[in-house]
Amino acid sequence: MNCTVRFGKEMSRGKALLESSEVLFRGEFRLKIPFASIKSAKALDGELRLETADGLAVFGLGPAAEKWCKKILHPKTRMEKIGVKPGARVSLWGGFEAEFLDELGLVTGSVEKDKVRTDTDVVFFAADSRKALSSVAKIARSLKGATALWIVYPKGQKTITENDVIAAGRKTGLKDVKVVGFSASHTALKFVLPLGER
C-alpha cells in the first residue's frame, strides 16, 4: 500500500507491506519491523503507530490503519493461514518439522504419512530440491474435488525456487492459488484442480 511513513527524523513516501509476521516499508529509507519486536501498536486518526526498540514508526494508512493494527496484534496461526480446519483429513508426503506436526495434531487427529488418502482434504508435500518435485505428478493424480496440495519448500535456495515449484504444479494441470510464509525458513504454495476438472 502506498503511504507516507515517519520514523525518527525521517519521512518518506513509499510502499508499505503487511506480511504474516512483519511490516515492511520501501521508500527513501527502508524498514523491516518483525511483529515480535513491536512494543505497542495503535491505530489513531488514520495512522498506524508502531513503537519499536529503535523508535516510533508512523504509517499514514488512512482507513486501513485499524485493520493493519488488528492483524499485527492478533496474527493468524499457521493452521488458519493454510486453512486446516478441525477434523480435516490430512496427508503428508516428505519430512516435516516436529512443531508443524504438533500444531497439526492439535487441529486434527486424522493424519496419514507418506501416502495420499483417497478421502484427504489437504496434502502437504515437503520438497527440498528440484529433483524432489518429480513426485508432484504422482500426488496430482490422486487429488479429487477441492483437495488442496501445499508444496512446502525452503526460502532463498538455488536448489529450488518459487518458479520451479509453480512450473512443477502447472505441468501437472494444477492451478496455483495462494502463497504463504510457512515458517522462518520455508514457503508454501497452494495448488488445486481447476474448477472444470473437479
N, C-alpha and C. Protein backbone atom coordinates (compact mmCIF):
# COMPACT_ATOMS: atom_id res chain seq x y z
N MET A 1 0.84 -1.18 0.00
CA MET A 1 0.00 0.00 0.00
C MET A 1 0.89 1.25 0.00
N ASN A 2 0.59 2.18 -0.86
CA ASN A 2 1.36 3.42 -0.91
C ASN A 2 0.95 4.32 0.25
N CYS A 3 1.95 4.86 0.94
CA CYS A 3 1.66 5.71 2.10
C CYS A 3 2.89 6.53 2.45
N THR A 4 2.72 7.39 3.46
CA THR A 4 3.84 8.18 3.99
C THR A 4 4.21 7.59 5.36
N VAL A 5 5.51 7.48 5.60
CA VAL A 5 5.97 6.94 6.88
C VAL A 5 6.93 7.92 7.54
N ARG A 6 6.73 8.11 8.85
CA ARG A 6 7.66 8.91 9.65
C ARG A 6 8.38 7.96 10.59
N PHE A 7 9.69 8.07 10.64
CA PHE A 7 10.48 7.24 11.55
C PHE A 7 11.64 8.08 12.05
N GLY A 8 11.61 8.40 13.35
CA GLY A 8 12.62 9.31 13.89
C GLY A 8 12.49 10.66 13.21
N LYS A 9 13.60 11.16 12.64
CA LYS A 9 13.57 12.45 11.96
C LYS A 9 13.33 12.31 10.46
N GLU A 10 13.19 11.06 10.01
CA GLU A 10 12.99 10.81 8.58
C GLU A 10 11.52 10.72 8.23
N MET A 11 11.23 11.11 6.98
CA MET A 11 9.87 10.99 6.47
C MET A 11 9.96 10.66 4.99
N SER A 12 9.15 9.72 4.54
CA SER A 12 9.23 9.32 3.14
C SER A 12 7.91 8.77 2.65
N ARG A 13 7.65 8.95 1.38
CA ARG A 13 6.52 8.31 0.72
C ARG A 13 7.07 7.02 0.13
N GLY A 14 6.28 5.97 0.14
CA GLY A 14 6.74 4.70 -0.41
C GLY A 14 5.68 3.64 -0.31
N LYS A 15 6.12 2.39 -0.33
CA LYS A 15 5.19 1.27 -0.30
C LYS A 15 5.35 0.49 0.99
N ALA A 16 4.23 0.30 1.70
CA ALA A 16 4.22 -0.48 2.94
C ALA A 16 3.55 -1.82 2.66
N LEU A 17 4.10 -2.89 3.23
CA LEU A 17 3.55 -4.24 3.07
C LEU A 17 3.32 -4.85 4.43
N LEU A 18 2.14 -5.44 4.61
CA LEU A 18 1.84 -6.15 5.84
C LEU A 18 2.00 -7.64 5.54
N GLU A 19 3.11 -8.21 6.02
CA GLU A 19 3.37 -9.64 5.81
C GLU A 19 2.77 -10.42 6.98
N SER A 20 2.96 -11.73 6.97
CA SER A 20 2.35 -12.54 8.03
C SER A 20 3.04 -12.38 9.38
N SER A 21 4.32 -11.93 9.40
CA SER A 21 4.99 -11.78 10.69
C SER A 21 5.84 -10.51 10.78
N GLU A 22 5.68 -9.61 9.81
CA GLU A 22 6.46 -8.36 9.84
C GLU A 22 5.81 -7.30 8.96
N VAL A 23 6.19 -6.04 9.22
CA VAL A 23 5.75 -4.91 8.39
C VAL A 23 6.99 -4.42 7.65
N LEU A 24 6.84 -4.23 6.34
CA LEU A 24 7.96 -3.75 5.52
C LEU A 24 7.61 -2.40 4.93
N PHE A 25 8.63 -1.57 4.73
CA PHE A 25 8.43 -0.29 4.05
C PHE A 25 9.61 -0.03 3.13
N ARG A 26 9.30 0.37 1.90
CA ARG A 26 10.34 0.72 0.93
C ARG A 26 10.04 2.10 0.38
N GLY A 27 10.93 3.02 0.68
CA GLY A 27 10.80 4.39 0.20
C GLY A 27 12.20 4.99 0.14
N GLU A 28 12.35 6.26 0.57
CA GLU A 28 13.69 6.86 0.61
C GLU A 28 14.53 6.16 1.68
N PHE A 29 13.87 5.52 2.61
CA PHE A 29 14.54 4.62 3.58
C PHE A 29 13.72 3.35 3.64
N ARG A 30 14.30 2.32 4.22
CA ARG A 30 13.61 1.03 4.31
C ARG A 30 13.42 0.64 5.76
N LEU A 31 12.29 -0.03 6.02
CA LEU A 31 12.02 -0.54 7.36
C LEU A 31 11.60 -2.00 7.26
N LYS A 32 12.04 -2.78 8.22
CA LYS A 32 11.59 -4.16 8.36
C LYS A 32 11.30 -4.32 9.85
N ILE A 33 10.02 -4.40 10.20
CA ILE A 33 9.63 -4.44 11.61
C ILE A 33 8.93 -5.77 11.90
N PRO A 34 9.67 -6.74 12.48
CA PRO A 34 9.03 -8.01 12.86
C PRO A 34 7.99 -7.76 13.95
N PHE A 35 6.85 -8.46 13.87
CA PHE A 35 5.81 -8.31 14.90
C PHE A 35 6.39 -8.51 16.29
N ALA A 36 7.32 -9.47 16.42
CA ALA A 36 7.90 -9.80 17.72
C ALA A 36 8.66 -8.63 18.34
N SER A 37 9.11 -7.67 17.51
CA SER A 37 9.89 -6.55 18.03
C SER A 37 9.03 -5.33 18.37
N ILE A 38 7.71 -5.42 18.11
CA ILE A 38 6.82 -4.27 18.35
C ILE A 38 6.40 -4.24 19.82
N LYS A 39 6.73 -3.10 20.46
CA LYS A 39 6.38 -2.95 21.88
C LYS A 39 4.91 -2.57 22.04
N SER A 40 4.41 -1.73 21.13
CA SER A 40 2.99 -1.38 21.15
C SER A 40 2.55 -1.01 19.74
N ALA A 41 1.27 -1.25 19.45
CA ALA A 41 0.69 -0.92 18.14
C ALA A 41 -0.64 -0.24 18.38
N LYS A 42 -0.84 0.94 17.78
CA LYS A 42 -2.09 1.68 17.93
C LYS A 42 -2.50 2.26 16.59
N ALA A 43 -3.80 2.32 16.36
CA ALA A 43 -4.34 2.99 15.17
C ALA A 43 -5.07 4.23 15.67
N LEU A 44 -4.68 5.40 15.16
CA LEU A 44 -5.26 6.65 15.62
C LEU A 44 -5.34 7.63 14.46
N ASP A 45 -6.54 8.12 14.18
CA ASP A 45 -6.75 9.12 13.12
C ASP A 45 -6.10 8.72 11.79
N GLY A 46 -6.27 7.47 11.38
CA GLY A 46 -5.73 7.03 10.09
C GLY A 46 -4.25 6.72 10.09
N GLU A 47 -3.64 6.76 11.29
CA GLU A 47 -2.22 6.45 11.39
C GLU A 47 -2.01 5.16 12.18
N LEU A 48 -1.11 4.32 11.70
CA LEU A 48 -0.68 3.13 12.44
C LEU A 48 0.61 3.51 13.14
N ARG A 49 0.61 3.46 14.47
CA ARG A 49 1.76 3.87 15.26
C ARG A 49 2.39 2.64 15.90
N LEU A 50 3.60 2.31 15.45
CA LEU A 50 4.31 1.13 15.95
C LEU A 50 5.52 1.56 16.77
N GLU A 51 5.48 1.24 18.04
CA GLU A 51 6.61 1.55 18.94
C GLU A 51 7.57 0.37 18.91
N THR A 52 8.81 0.62 18.48
CA THR A 52 9.82 -0.44 18.40
C THR A 52 11.01 -0.06 19.27
N ALA A 53 11.94 -0.97 19.42
CA ALA A 53 13.16 -0.70 20.21
C ALA A 53 13.96 0.43 19.58
N ASP A 54 13.82 0.58 18.25
CA ASP A 54 14.57 1.63 17.54
C ASP A 54 13.83 2.95 17.44
N GLY A 55 12.62 3.01 17.94
CA GLY A 55 11.86 4.25 17.88
C GLY A 55 10.45 4.04 17.35
N LEU A 56 9.73 5.15 17.18
CA LEU A 56 8.34 5.13 16.73
C LEU A 56 8.26 5.22 15.21
N ALA A 57 7.52 4.28 14.61
CA ALA A 57 7.27 4.32 13.17
C ALA A 57 5.79 4.64 12.98
N VAL A 58 5.51 5.70 12.21
CA VAL A 58 4.12 6.12 12.00
C VAL A 58 3.77 5.97 10.51
N PHE A 59 2.80 5.09 10.23
CA PHE A 59 2.38 4.82 8.86
C PHE A 59 1.05 5.53 8.59
N GLY A 60 1.02 6.42 7.61
CA GLY A 60 -0.22 7.10 7.23
C GLY A 60 -1.03 6.22 6.29
N LEU A 61 -1.87 5.36 6.87
CA LEU A 61 -2.60 4.35 6.07
C LEU A 61 -4.07 4.69 5.85
N GLY A 62 -4.55 5.75 6.48
CA GLY A 62 -5.97 6.08 6.35
C GLY A 62 -6.83 5.00 7.00
N PRO A 63 -7.97 4.65 6.36
CA PRO A 63 -8.90 3.67 6.95
C PRO A 63 -8.28 2.29 7.19
N ALA A 64 -7.20 1.95 6.49
CA ALA A 64 -6.57 0.63 6.65
C ALA A 64 -5.78 0.51 7.96
N ALA A 65 -5.51 1.62 8.62
CA ALA A 65 -4.68 1.59 9.85
C ALA A 65 -5.27 0.67 10.91
N GLU A 66 -6.59 0.74 11.10
CA GLU A 66 -7.27 -0.08 12.11
C GLU A 66 -7.13 -1.57 11.79
N LYS A 67 -7.32 -1.91 10.52
CA LYS A 67 -7.25 -3.30 10.08
C LYS A 67 -5.83 -3.86 10.25
N TRP A 68 -4.83 -3.07 9.85
CA TRP A 68 -3.44 -3.50 9.99
C TRP A 68 -3.10 -3.70 11.47
N CYS A 69 -3.58 -2.81 12.32
CA CYS A 69 -3.28 -2.88 13.75
C CYS A 69 -3.84 -4.19 14.33
N LYS A 70 -5.07 -4.55 13.93
CA LYS A 70 -5.68 -5.80 14.43
C LYS A 70 -4.87 -7.02 13.98
N LYS A 71 -4.42 -6.99 12.73
CA LYS A 71 -3.65 -8.14 12.20
C LYS A 71 -2.30 -8.26 12.90
N ILE A 72 -1.71 -7.13 13.27
CA ILE A 72 -0.43 -7.15 13.98
C ILE A 72 -0.61 -7.66 15.42
N LEU A 73 -1.66 -7.19 16.07
CA LEU A 73 -1.90 -7.58 17.46
C LEU A 73 -2.45 -9.01 17.58
N HIS A 74 -3.14 -9.47 16.54
CA HIS A 74 -3.74 -10.82 16.56
C HIS A 74 -3.43 -11.56 15.26
N PRO A 75 -2.15 -11.90 15.04
CA PRO A 75 -1.81 -12.58 13.78
C PRO A 75 -2.45 -13.97 13.70
N LYS A 76 -2.74 -14.38 12.47
CA LYS A 76 -3.32 -15.71 12.26
C LYS A 76 -2.31 -16.79 12.61
N THR A 77 -2.80 -17.91 13.09
CA THR A 77 -1.93 -19.05 13.34
C THR A 77 -1.57 -19.68 11.99
N ARG A 78 -0.57 -20.51 11.99
CA ARG A 78 -0.18 -21.18 10.74
C ARG A 78 -1.34 -22.02 10.20
N MET A 79 -2.07 -22.71 11.09
CA MET A 79 -3.20 -23.54 10.65
C MET A 79 -4.29 -22.69 10.00
N GLU A 80 -4.52 -21.49 10.55
CA GLU A 80 -5.52 -20.58 9.96
C GLU A 80 -5.05 -20.10 8.58
N LYS A 81 -3.75 -19.77 8.47
CA LYS A 81 -3.22 -19.27 7.18
C LYS A 81 -3.34 -20.31 6.08
N ILE A 82 -3.10 -21.57 6.44
CA ILE A 82 -3.13 -22.61 5.41
C ILE A 82 -4.48 -23.32 5.32
N GLY A 83 -5.43 -22.90 6.15
CA GLY A 83 -6.80 -23.36 6.02
C GLY A 83 -7.08 -24.78 6.48
N VAL A 84 -6.31 -25.27 7.48
CA VAL A 84 -6.60 -26.61 8.03
C VAL A 84 -7.64 -26.44 9.13
N LYS A 85 -8.82 -26.99 8.87
CA LYS A 85 -9.93 -26.85 9.81
C LYS A 85 -9.98 -28.06 10.76
N PRO A 86 -10.59 -27.89 11.94
CA PRO A 86 -10.71 -29.01 12.87
C PRO A 86 -11.34 -30.23 12.19
N GLY A 87 -10.71 -31.38 12.41
CA GLY A 87 -11.23 -32.63 11.83
C GLY A 87 -10.85 -32.88 10.38
N ALA A 88 -10.07 -31.98 9.79
CA ALA A 88 -9.67 -32.16 8.38
C ALA A 88 -8.85 -33.43 8.23
N ARG A 89 -9.01 -34.10 7.09
CA ARG A 89 -8.22 -35.29 6.78
C ARG A 89 -6.98 -34.83 6.01
N VAL A 90 -5.82 -35.09 6.58
CA VAL A 90 -4.56 -34.56 6.05
C VAL A 90 -3.61 -35.70 5.65
N SER A 91 -2.95 -35.50 4.50
CA SER A 91 -1.91 -36.45 4.07
C SER A 91 -0.59 -35.70 3.99
N LEU A 92 0.48 -36.33 4.48
CA LEU A 92 1.82 -35.74 4.45
C LEU A 92 2.71 -36.57 3.54
N TRP A 93 3.53 -35.87 2.75
CA TRP A 93 4.47 -36.52 1.85
C TRP A 93 5.82 -35.86 2.08
N GLY A 94 6.77 -36.57 2.64
CA GLY A 94 8.09 -35.99 2.93
C GLY A 94 8.23 -35.66 4.41
N GLY A 95 9.38 -35.09 4.76
CA GLY A 95 9.69 -34.80 6.16
C GLY A 95 9.27 -33.41 6.59
N PHE A 96 8.62 -33.31 7.74
CA PHE A 96 8.20 -32.02 8.28
C PHE A 96 8.71 -31.85 9.70
N GLU A 97 8.92 -30.60 10.11
CA GLU A 97 9.41 -30.29 11.44
C GLU A 97 8.39 -30.71 12.50
N ALA A 98 8.91 -31.07 13.67
CA ALA A 98 8.07 -31.55 14.78
C ALA A 98 7.04 -30.50 15.19
N GLU A 99 7.41 -29.23 15.15
CA GLU A 99 6.50 -28.15 15.57
C GLU A 99 5.24 -28.14 14.70
N PHE A 100 5.42 -28.30 13.37
CA PHE A 100 4.28 -28.34 12.46
C PHE A 100 3.41 -29.56 12.74
N LEU A 101 4.04 -30.71 12.96
CA LEU A 101 3.29 -31.94 13.24
C LEU A 101 2.48 -31.81 14.53
N ASP A 102 3.06 -31.14 15.53
CA ASP A 102 2.35 -30.91 16.79
C ASP A 102 1.12 -30.01 16.57
N GLU A 103 1.32 -28.91 15.80
CA GLU A 103 0.21 -27.99 15.52
C GLU A 103 -0.91 -28.73 14.78
N LEU A 104 -0.52 -29.54 13.82
CA LEU A 104 -1.47 -30.33 13.04
C LEU A 104 -2.25 -31.27 13.95
N GLY A 105 -1.54 -31.91 14.87
CA GLY A 105 -2.16 -32.84 15.81
C GLY A 105 -3.19 -32.19 16.71
N LEU A 106 -3.00 -30.89 17.02
CA LEU A 106 -3.96 -30.17 17.86
C LEU A 106 -5.25 -29.88 17.12
N VAL A 107 -5.17 -29.76 15.79
CA VAL A 107 -6.33 -29.43 14.97
C VAL A 107 -7.06 -30.67 14.48
N THR A 108 -6.28 -31.68 14.10
CA THR A 108 -6.89 -32.90 13.58
C THR A 108 -6.10 -34.14 13.99
N GLY A 109 -6.82 -35.21 14.27
CA GLY A 109 -6.16 -36.47 14.61
C GLY A 109 -6.07 -37.37 13.39
N SER A 110 -6.50 -36.83 12.25
CA SER A 110 -6.58 -37.64 11.03
C SER A 110 -5.44 -37.29 10.08
N VAL A 111 -4.24 -37.85 10.34
CA VAL A 111 -3.05 -37.55 9.54
C VAL A 111 -2.45 -38.84 9.00
N GLU A 112 -2.27 -38.89 7.70
CA GLU A 112 -1.66 -40.06 7.03
C GLU A 112 -0.28 -39.63 6.54
N LYS A 113 0.75 -40.43 6.82
CA LYS A 113 2.11 -40.07 6.41
C LYS A 113 2.56 -40.92 5.23
N ASP A 114 3.29 -40.25 4.31
CA ASP A 114 3.93 -40.89 3.16
C ASP A 114 2.99 -41.56 2.16
N LYS A 115 1.72 -41.19 2.20
CA LYS A 115 0.81 -41.59 1.12
C LYS A 115 -0.40 -40.66 1.15
N VAL A 116 -1.08 -40.58 0.02
CA VAL A 116 -2.24 -39.70 -0.08
C VAL A 116 -3.50 -40.54 0.05
N ARG A 117 -4.27 -40.27 1.10
CA ARG A 117 -5.53 -40.98 1.32
C ARG A 117 -6.52 -40.62 0.23
N THR A 118 -7.43 -41.52 -0.07
CA THR A 118 -8.42 -41.25 -1.11
C THR A 118 -9.42 -40.18 -0.67
N ASP A 119 -9.65 -40.05 0.65
CA ASP A 119 -10.63 -39.07 1.14
C ASP A 119 -9.97 -37.84 1.77
N THR A 120 -8.72 -37.57 1.38
CA THR A 120 -7.99 -36.47 2.02
C THR A 120 -8.54 -35.10 1.64
N ASP A 121 -8.46 -34.14 2.59
CA ASP A 121 -8.88 -32.75 2.33
C ASP A 121 -7.69 -31.90 1.91
N VAL A 122 -6.53 -32.18 2.52
CA VAL A 122 -5.32 -31.39 2.28
C VAL A 122 -4.11 -32.30 2.21
N VAL A 123 -3.24 -32.04 1.22
CA VAL A 123 -1.96 -32.77 1.10
C VAL A 123 -0.84 -31.77 1.31
N PHE A 124 0.11 -32.10 2.17
CA PHE A 124 1.32 -31.29 2.35
C PHE A 124 2.50 -32.09 1.80
N PHE A 125 3.22 -31.49 0.87
CA PHE A 125 4.38 -32.15 0.25
C PHE A 125 5.62 -31.32 0.53
N ALA A 126 6.60 -31.90 1.23
CA ALA A 126 7.86 -31.21 1.53
C ALA A 126 8.85 -31.48 0.41
N ALA A 127 9.21 -30.43 -0.32
CA ALA A 127 10.16 -30.56 -1.43
C ALA A 127 11.39 -29.73 -1.12
N ASP A 128 12.57 -30.38 -1.08
CA ASP A 128 13.79 -29.63 -0.74
C ASP A 128 14.70 -29.39 -1.94
N SER A 129 14.29 -29.89 -3.12
CA SER A 129 15.11 -29.69 -4.33
C SER A 129 14.22 -29.81 -5.58
N ARG A 130 14.76 -29.36 -6.72
CA ARG A 130 14.02 -29.51 -7.99
C ARG A 130 13.72 -30.98 -8.25
N LYS A 131 14.69 -31.85 -7.94
CA LYS A 131 14.54 -33.28 -8.18
C LYS A 131 13.32 -33.84 -7.42
N ALA A 132 13.13 -33.37 -6.20
CA ALA A 132 12.00 -33.85 -5.38
C ALA A 132 10.66 -33.53 -6.03
N LEU A 133 10.63 -32.46 -6.83
CA LEU A 133 9.37 -32.04 -7.47
C LEU A 133 8.84 -33.06 -8.47
N SER A 134 9.64 -34.07 -8.82
CA SER A 134 9.16 -35.12 -9.75
C SER A 134 7.99 -35.88 -9.13
N SER A 135 7.84 -35.84 -7.81
CA SER A 135 6.72 -36.52 -7.13
C SER A 135 5.39 -35.79 -7.29
N VAL A 136 5.42 -34.52 -7.73
CA VAL A 136 4.19 -33.74 -7.85
C VAL A 136 3.19 -34.42 -8.79
N ALA A 137 3.67 -35.00 -9.89
CA ALA A 137 2.78 -35.64 -10.86
C ALA A 137 1.99 -36.78 -10.21
N LYS A 138 2.68 -37.59 -9.41
CA LYS A 138 2.03 -38.72 -8.74
C LYS A 138 0.99 -38.23 -7.74
N ILE A 139 1.34 -37.20 -6.98
CA ILE A 139 0.42 -36.64 -5.99
C ILE A 139 -0.80 -36.03 -6.69
N ALA A 140 -0.55 -35.29 -7.76
CA ALA A 140 -1.62 -34.61 -8.50
C ALA A 140 -2.66 -35.60 -9.01
N ARG A 141 -2.21 -36.77 -9.44
CA ARG A 141 -3.15 -37.79 -9.96
C ARG A 141 -4.11 -38.29 -8.89
N SER A 142 -3.71 -38.16 -7.61
CA SER A 142 -4.55 -38.66 -6.53
C SER A 142 -5.51 -37.60 -5.97
N LEU A 143 -5.39 -36.35 -6.46
CA LEU A 143 -6.27 -35.29 -5.96
C LEU A 143 -7.67 -35.41 -6.55
N LYS A 144 -8.67 -35.14 -5.71
CA LYS A 144 -10.06 -35.19 -6.16
C LYS A 144 -10.79 -33.96 -5.64
N GLY A 145 -11.75 -33.48 -6.43
CA GLY A 145 -12.59 -32.35 -6.00
C GLY A 145 -11.79 -31.14 -5.57
N ALA A 146 -12.09 -30.64 -4.37
CA ALA A 146 -11.45 -29.41 -3.88
C ALA A 146 -10.22 -29.67 -3.01
N THR A 147 -9.69 -30.91 -3.05
CA THR A 147 -8.50 -31.23 -2.25
C THR A 147 -7.36 -30.27 -2.61
N ALA A 148 -6.72 -29.71 -1.59
CA ALA A 148 -5.63 -28.77 -1.81
C ALA A 148 -4.28 -29.47 -1.67
N LEU A 149 -3.34 -29.08 -2.51
CA LEU A 149 -1.95 -29.55 -2.38
C LEU A 149 -1.09 -28.35 -2.02
N TRP A 150 -0.45 -28.43 -0.86
CA TRP A 150 0.51 -27.40 -0.44
C TRP A 150 1.91 -27.96 -0.65
N ILE A 151 2.69 -27.28 -1.50
CA ILE A 151 4.09 -27.68 -1.68
C ILE A 151 4.92 -26.75 -0.79
N VAL A 152 5.63 -27.34 0.16
CA VAL A 152 6.42 -26.59 1.14
C VAL A 152 7.89 -26.72 0.75
N TYR A 153 8.57 -25.58 0.56
CA TYR A 153 9.95 -25.60 0.09
C TYR A 153 10.79 -24.53 0.80
N PRO A 154 12.13 -24.73 0.88
CA PRO A 154 12.98 -23.77 1.59
C PRO A 154 13.05 -22.42 0.89
N LYS A 155 13.12 -21.36 1.70
CA LYS A 155 13.25 -19.99 1.17
C LYS A 155 14.69 -19.73 0.75
N GLY A 156 14.86 -18.88 -0.27
CA GLY A 156 16.19 -18.37 -0.63
C GLY A 156 17.22 -19.41 -1.03
N GLN A 157 16.78 -20.53 -1.62
CA GLN A 157 17.72 -21.57 -2.07
C GLN A 157 17.82 -21.57 -3.59
N LYS A 158 19.00 -21.89 -4.10
CA LYS A 158 19.15 -22.01 -5.55
C LYS A 158 18.72 -23.40 -6.02
N THR A 159 18.70 -24.38 -5.10
CA THR A 159 18.36 -25.76 -5.47
C THR A 159 16.87 -25.93 -5.77
N ILE A 160 16.05 -24.97 -5.29
CA ILE A 160 14.61 -24.99 -5.58
C ILE A 160 14.08 -23.56 -5.38
N THR A 161 13.36 -23.06 -6.39
CA THR A 161 12.84 -21.69 -6.33
C THR A 161 11.32 -21.71 -6.49
N GLU A 162 10.71 -20.55 -6.24
CA GLU A 162 9.26 -20.44 -6.41
C GLU A 162 8.87 -20.78 -7.84
N ASN A 163 9.66 -20.32 -8.82
CA ASN A 163 9.36 -20.61 -10.23
C ASN A 163 9.40 -22.11 -10.51
N ASP A 164 10.35 -22.83 -9.88
CA ASP A 164 10.42 -24.29 -10.05
C ASP A 164 9.15 -24.95 -9.54
N VAL A 165 8.69 -24.50 -8.37
CA VAL A 165 7.50 -25.09 -7.74
C VAL A 165 6.26 -24.80 -8.58
N ILE A 166 6.11 -23.55 -9.02
CA ILE A 166 4.95 -23.19 -9.85
C ILE A 166 4.95 -24.01 -11.14
N ALA A 167 6.12 -24.12 -11.78
CA ALA A 167 6.22 -24.88 -13.04
C ALA A 167 5.84 -26.34 -12.83
N ALA A 168 6.30 -26.93 -11.73
CA ALA A 168 6.00 -28.35 -11.45
C ALA A 168 4.51 -28.57 -11.26
N GLY A 169 3.85 -27.66 -10.55
CA GLY A 169 2.40 -27.78 -10.33
C GLY A 169 1.62 -27.59 -11.61
N ARG A 170 1.96 -26.55 -12.37
CA ARG A 170 1.23 -26.25 -13.61
C ARG A 170 1.42 -27.34 -14.66
N LYS A 171 2.59 -27.95 -14.67
CA LYS A 171 2.89 -29.01 -15.64
C LYS A 171 1.92 -30.19 -15.48
N THR A 172 1.43 -30.40 -14.26
CA THR A 172 0.50 -31.50 -14.00
C THR A 172 -0.96 -31.06 -14.15
N GLY A 173 -1.17 -29.80 -14.56
CA GLY A 173 -2.53 -29.31 -14.76
C GLY A 173 -3.15 -28.64 -13.55
N LEU A 174 -2.37 -28.48 -12.47
CA LEU A 174 -2.90 -27.83 -11.27
C LEU A 174 -2.80 -26.32 -11.39
N LYS A 175 -3.60 -25.64 -10.59
CA LYS A 175 -3.62 -24.17 -10.59
C LYS A 175 -3.07 -23.67 -9.26
N ASP A 176 -2.08 -22.76 -9.31
CA ASP A 176 -1.53 -22.19 -8.07
C ASP A 176 -2.43 -21.03 -7.65
N VAL A 177 -2.87 -21.05 -6.37
CA VAL A 177 -3.86 -20.08 -5.92
C VAL A 177 -3.44 -19.24 -4.71
N LYS A 178 -2.38 -19.67 -4.00
CA LYS A 178 -2.02 -18.93 -2.78
C LYS A 178 -0.59 -19.25 -2.38
N VAL A 179 0.08 -18.25 -1.79
CA VAL A 179 1.42 -18.48 -1.24
C VAL A 179 1.43 -17.92 0.19
N VAL A 180 2.04 -18.66 1.11
CA VAL A 180 2.14 -18.17 2.50
C VAL A 180 3.55 -18.43 3.04
N GLY A 181 3.93 -17.62 4.02
CA GLY A 181 5.16 -17.89 4.76
C GLY A 181 4.86 -19.04 5.71
N PHE A 182 5.41 -20.22 5.42
CA PHE A 182 5.10 -21.42 6.20
C PHE A 182 5.84 -21.41 7.53
N SER A 183 7.09 -20.93 7.50
CA SER A 183 7.91 -20.82 8.72
C SER A 183 9.02 -19.82 8.42
N ALA A 184 9.92 -19.62 9.36
CA ALA A 184 11.03 -18.69 9.15
C ALA A 184 11.91 -19.14 7.99
N SER A 185 11.94 -20.45 7.74
CA SER A 185 12.84 -20.98 6.71
C SER A 185 12.15 -21.52 5.45
N HIS A 186 10.80 -21.65 5.50
CA HIS A 186 10.09 -22.27 4.38
C HIS A 186 8.88 -21.46 3.90
N THR A 187 8.58 -21.62 2.63
CA THR A 187 7.40 -21.02 1.99
C THR A 187 6.49 -22.16 1.55
N ALA A 188 5.19 -21.89 1.46
CA ALA A 188 4.25 -22.91 0.97
C ALA A 188 3.40 -22.32 -0.15
N LEU A 189 3.26 -23.08 -1.23
CA LEU A 189 2.43 -22.70 -2.36
C LEU A 189 1.26 -23.66 -2.46
N LYS A 190 0.06 -23.12 -2.60
CA LYS A 190 -1.16 -23.94 -2.65
C LYS A 190 -1.59 -24.15 -4.11
N PHE A 191 -1.89 -25.42 -4.42
CA PHE A 191 -2.38 -25.78 -5.75
C PHE A 191 -3.72 -26.51 -5.61
N VAL A 192 -4.59 -26.34 -6.60
CA VAL A 192 -5.87 -27.05 -6.63
C VAL A 192 -6.15 -27.48 -8.08
N LEU A 193 -7.09 -28.41 -8.22
CA LEU A 193 -7.55 -28.77 -9.55
C LEU A 193 -8.38 -27.61 -10.10
N PRO A 194 -8.25 -27.28 -11.41
CA PRO A 194 -9.10 -26.23 -11.97
C PRO A 194 -10.57 -26.61 -11.80
N LEU A 195 -11.45 -25.63 -11.64
CA LEU A 195 -12.87 -25.87 -11.39
C LEU A 195 -13.50 -26.84 -12.39
N GLY A 196 -13.15 -26.71 -13.65
CA GLY A 196 -13.73 -27.55 -14.69
C GLY A 196 -13.34 -29.03 -14.60
N GLU A 197 -12.33 -29.33 -13.78
CA GLU A 197 -11.87 -30.71 -13.68
C GLU A 197 -12.23 -31.38 -12.35
N ARG A 198 -13.06 -30.72 -11.56
CA ARG A 198 -13.43 -31.30 -10.25
C ARG A 198 -14.64 -32.20 -10.35
